[in-house]
C-alpha cells in the first residue's frame, strides 16, 4: 500500500532522530545477518571486521533471533 510508504517517507523527513535510528538498525541487521556470515564463509576479512559495536545490549535483544556475543565484550546477550 502506497500510503504506508508515504507515511514512512514523511516520518524520515520530519524526524531526524527516527531517520538516524532506523539507518543504524538497518546497518546492524545487514552486518550481523549478511556481511559477517558471508565474509566468514568465504574466509575473507576486512579492516575492523564486520562487528556491530555501536548498539546497546537492549537493541541486540530486540534485533537478534538468538543469543549473540556482543563484539565489544565477551558478554552473551540473551535475546529470549
C-alpha atoms as a PDB file:
ATOM      1  CA  UNK A   1       0.000   0.000   0.000  1.00  0.00           C
ATOM      2  CA  UNK A   2       1.464   3.341  -1.054  1.00  0.00           C
ATOM      3  CA  UNK A   3       0.082   5.166   1.992  1.00  0.00           C
ATOM      4  CA  UNK A   4       2.423   3.179   4.280  1.00  0.00           C
ATOM      5  CA  UNK A   5       5.435   4.087   2.159  1.00  0.00           C
ATOM      6  CA  UNK A   6       4.372   7.732   2.091  1.00  0.00           C
ATOM      7  CA  UNK A   7       3.940   7.744   5.869  1.00  0.00           C
ATOM      8  CA  UNK A   8       7.419   6.266   6.370  1.00  0.00           C
ATOM      9  CA  UNK A   9       8.930   8.757   3.926  1.00  0.00           C
ATOM     10  CA  UNK A  10       7.290  11.631   5.759  1.00  0.00           C
ATOM     11  CA  UNK A  11       8.456  10.378   9.146  1.00  0.00           C
ATOM     12  CA  UNK A  12      12.039  10.050   7.912  1.00  0.00           C
ATOM     13  CA  UNK A  13      11.967  13.610   6.555  1.00  0.00           C
ATOM     14  CA  UNK A  14      10.232  15.140   9.574  1.00  0.00           C
ATOM     15  CA  UNK A  15      12.062  13.285  12.370  1.00  0.00           C
ATOM     16  CA  UNK A  16      15.856  13.228  12.016  1.00  0.00           C
ATOM     17  CA  UNK A  17      16.303  11.092  15.155  1.00  0.00           C
ATOM     18  CA  UNK A  18      13.941   8.459  13.755  1.00  0.00           C
ATOM     19  CA  UNK A  19      15.891   8.502  10.477  1.00  0.00           C
ATOM     20  CA  UNK A  20      19.243   8.064  12.236  1.00  0.00           C
ATOM     21  CA  UNK A  21      17.954   5.266  14.482  1.00  0.00           C
ATOM     22  CA  UNK A  22      16.383   3.484  11.508  1.00  0.00           C
ATOM     23  CA  UNK A  23      19.582   3.721   9.480  1.00  0.00           C
ATOM     24  CA  UNK A  24      21.654   2.440  12.411  1.00  0.00           C
ATOM     25  CA  UNK A  25      19.397  -0.589  12.919  1.00  0.00           C
ATOM     26  CA  UNK A  26      19.285  -1.395   9.203  1.00  0.00           C
ATOM     27  CA  UNK A  27      23.082  -1.256   9.031  1.00  0.00           C
ATOM     28  CA  UNK A  28      23.365  -3.507  12.084  1.00  0.00           C
ATOM     29  CA  UNK A  29      20.941  -6.043  10.599  1.00  0.00           C
ATOM     30  CA  UNK A  30      22.919  -6.079   7.362  1.00  0.00           C
ATOM     31  CA  UNK A  31      26.265  -6.523   9.106  1.00  0.00           C
ATOM     32  CA  UNK A  32      25.056  -9.183  11.553  1.00  0.00           C
ATOM     33  CA  UNK A  33      22.961 -11.271   9.192  1.00  0.00           C
ATOM     34  CA  UNK A  34      24.545 -10.866   5.761  1.00  0.00           C
ATOM     35  CA  UNK A  35      28.007  -9.387   5.633  1.00  0.00           C
ATOM     36  CA  UNK A  36      29.639 -11.041   8.644  1.00  0.00           C
ATOM     37  CA  UNK A  37      28.367 -14.589   7.916  1.00  0.00           C
ATOM     38  CA  UNK A  38      29.243 -14.164   4.235  1.00  0.00           C
ATOM     39  CA  UNK A  39      32.734 -12.952   4.992  1.00  0.00           C
ATOM     40  CA  UNK A  40      33.304 -15.796   7.449  1.00  0.00           C
ATOM     41  CA  UNK A  41      32.012 -18.392   4.965  1.00  0.00           C
ATOM     42  CA  UNK A  42      34.331 -17.060   2.280  1.00  0.00           C
ATOM     43  CA  UNK A  43      37.323 -16.807   4.603  1.00  0.00           C
ATOM     44  CA  UNK A  44      37.623 -13.080   3.926  1.00  0.00           C
ATOM     45  CA  UNK A  45      38.374 -10.305   6.388  1.00  0.00           C
ATOM     46  CA  UNK A  46      38.084  -6.543   6.359  1.00  0.00           C
ATOM     47  CA  UNK A  47      39.937  -3.975   8.483  1.00  0.00           C
ATOM     48  CA  UNK A  48      37.972  -3.558  11.693  1.00  0.00           C
ATOM     49  CA  UNK A  49      35.867  -6.624  10.935  1.00  0.00           C
ATOM     50  CA  UNK A  50      32.123  -6.590  10.447  1.00  0.00           C
ATOM     51  CA  UNK A  51      31.361  -6.298  14.148  1.00  0.00           C
ATOM     52  CA  UNK A  52      28.469  -4.147  15.253  1.00  0.00           C
ATOM     53  CA  UNK A  53      29.950  -2.297  18.194  1.00  0.00           C
ATOM     54  CA  UNK A  54      27.611   0.683  18.034  1.00  0.00           C
ATOM     55  CA  UNK A  55      24.454  -0.890  19.514  1.00  0.00           C
ATOM     56  CA  UNK A  56      23.420  -1.116  23.144  1.00  0.00           C
ATOM     57  CA  UNK A  57      22.693  -4.538  24.677  1.00  0.00           C
ATOM     58  CA  UNK A  58      18.935  -3.969  24.688  1.00  0.00           C
ATOM     59  CA  UNK A  59      18.991  -3.293  20.946  1.00  0.00           C
ATOM     60  CA  UNK A  60      20.698  -6.641  20.381  1.00  0.00           C
ATOM     61  CA  UNK A  61      17.904  -8.354  22.304  1.00  0.00           C
ATOM     62  CA  UNK A  62      15.298  -6.731  20.071  1.00  0.00           C
ATOM     63  CA  UNK A  63      17.039  -7.365  16.759  1.00  0.00           C
ATOM     64  CA  UNK A  64      18.655 -10.775  17.039  1.00  0.00           C
ATOM     65  CA  UNK A  65      16.649 -14.023  16.996  1.00  0.00           C
ATOM     66  CA  UNK A  66      19.149 -15.936  19.155  1.00  0.00           C
ATOM     67  CA  UNK A  67      21.860 -15.333  21.756  1.00  0.00           C
ATOM     68  CA  UNK A  68      24.802 -13.384  20.411  1.00  0.00           C
ATOM     69  CA  UNK A  69      28.143 -12.363  21.827  1.00  0.00           C
ATOM     70  CA  UNK A  70      28.456  -8.609  21.665  1.00  0.00           C
ATOM     71  CA  UNK A  71      31.698  -7.781  19.821  1.00  0.00           C
ATOM     72  CA  UNK A  72      32.869  -5.119  22.273  1.00  0.00           C
ATOM     73  CA  UNK A  73      32.844  -7.656  25.127  1.00  0.00           C
ATOM     74  CA  UNK A  74      32.718 -11.356  25.774  1.00  0.00           C
ATOM     75  CA  UNK A  75      29.235 -10.985  27.265  1.00  0.00           C
ATOM     76  CA  UNK A  76      26.486 -13.085  25.749  1.00  0.00           C
ATOM     77  CA  UNK A  77      23.339 -11.048  25.271  1.00  0.00           C
ATOM     78  CA  UNK A  78      20.247 -13.162  25.954  1.00  0.00           C
ATOM     79  CA  UNK A  79      17.533 -12.472  23.397  1.00  0.00           C
ATOM     80  CA  UNK A  80      14.772 -14.768  24.666  1.00  0.00           C
END
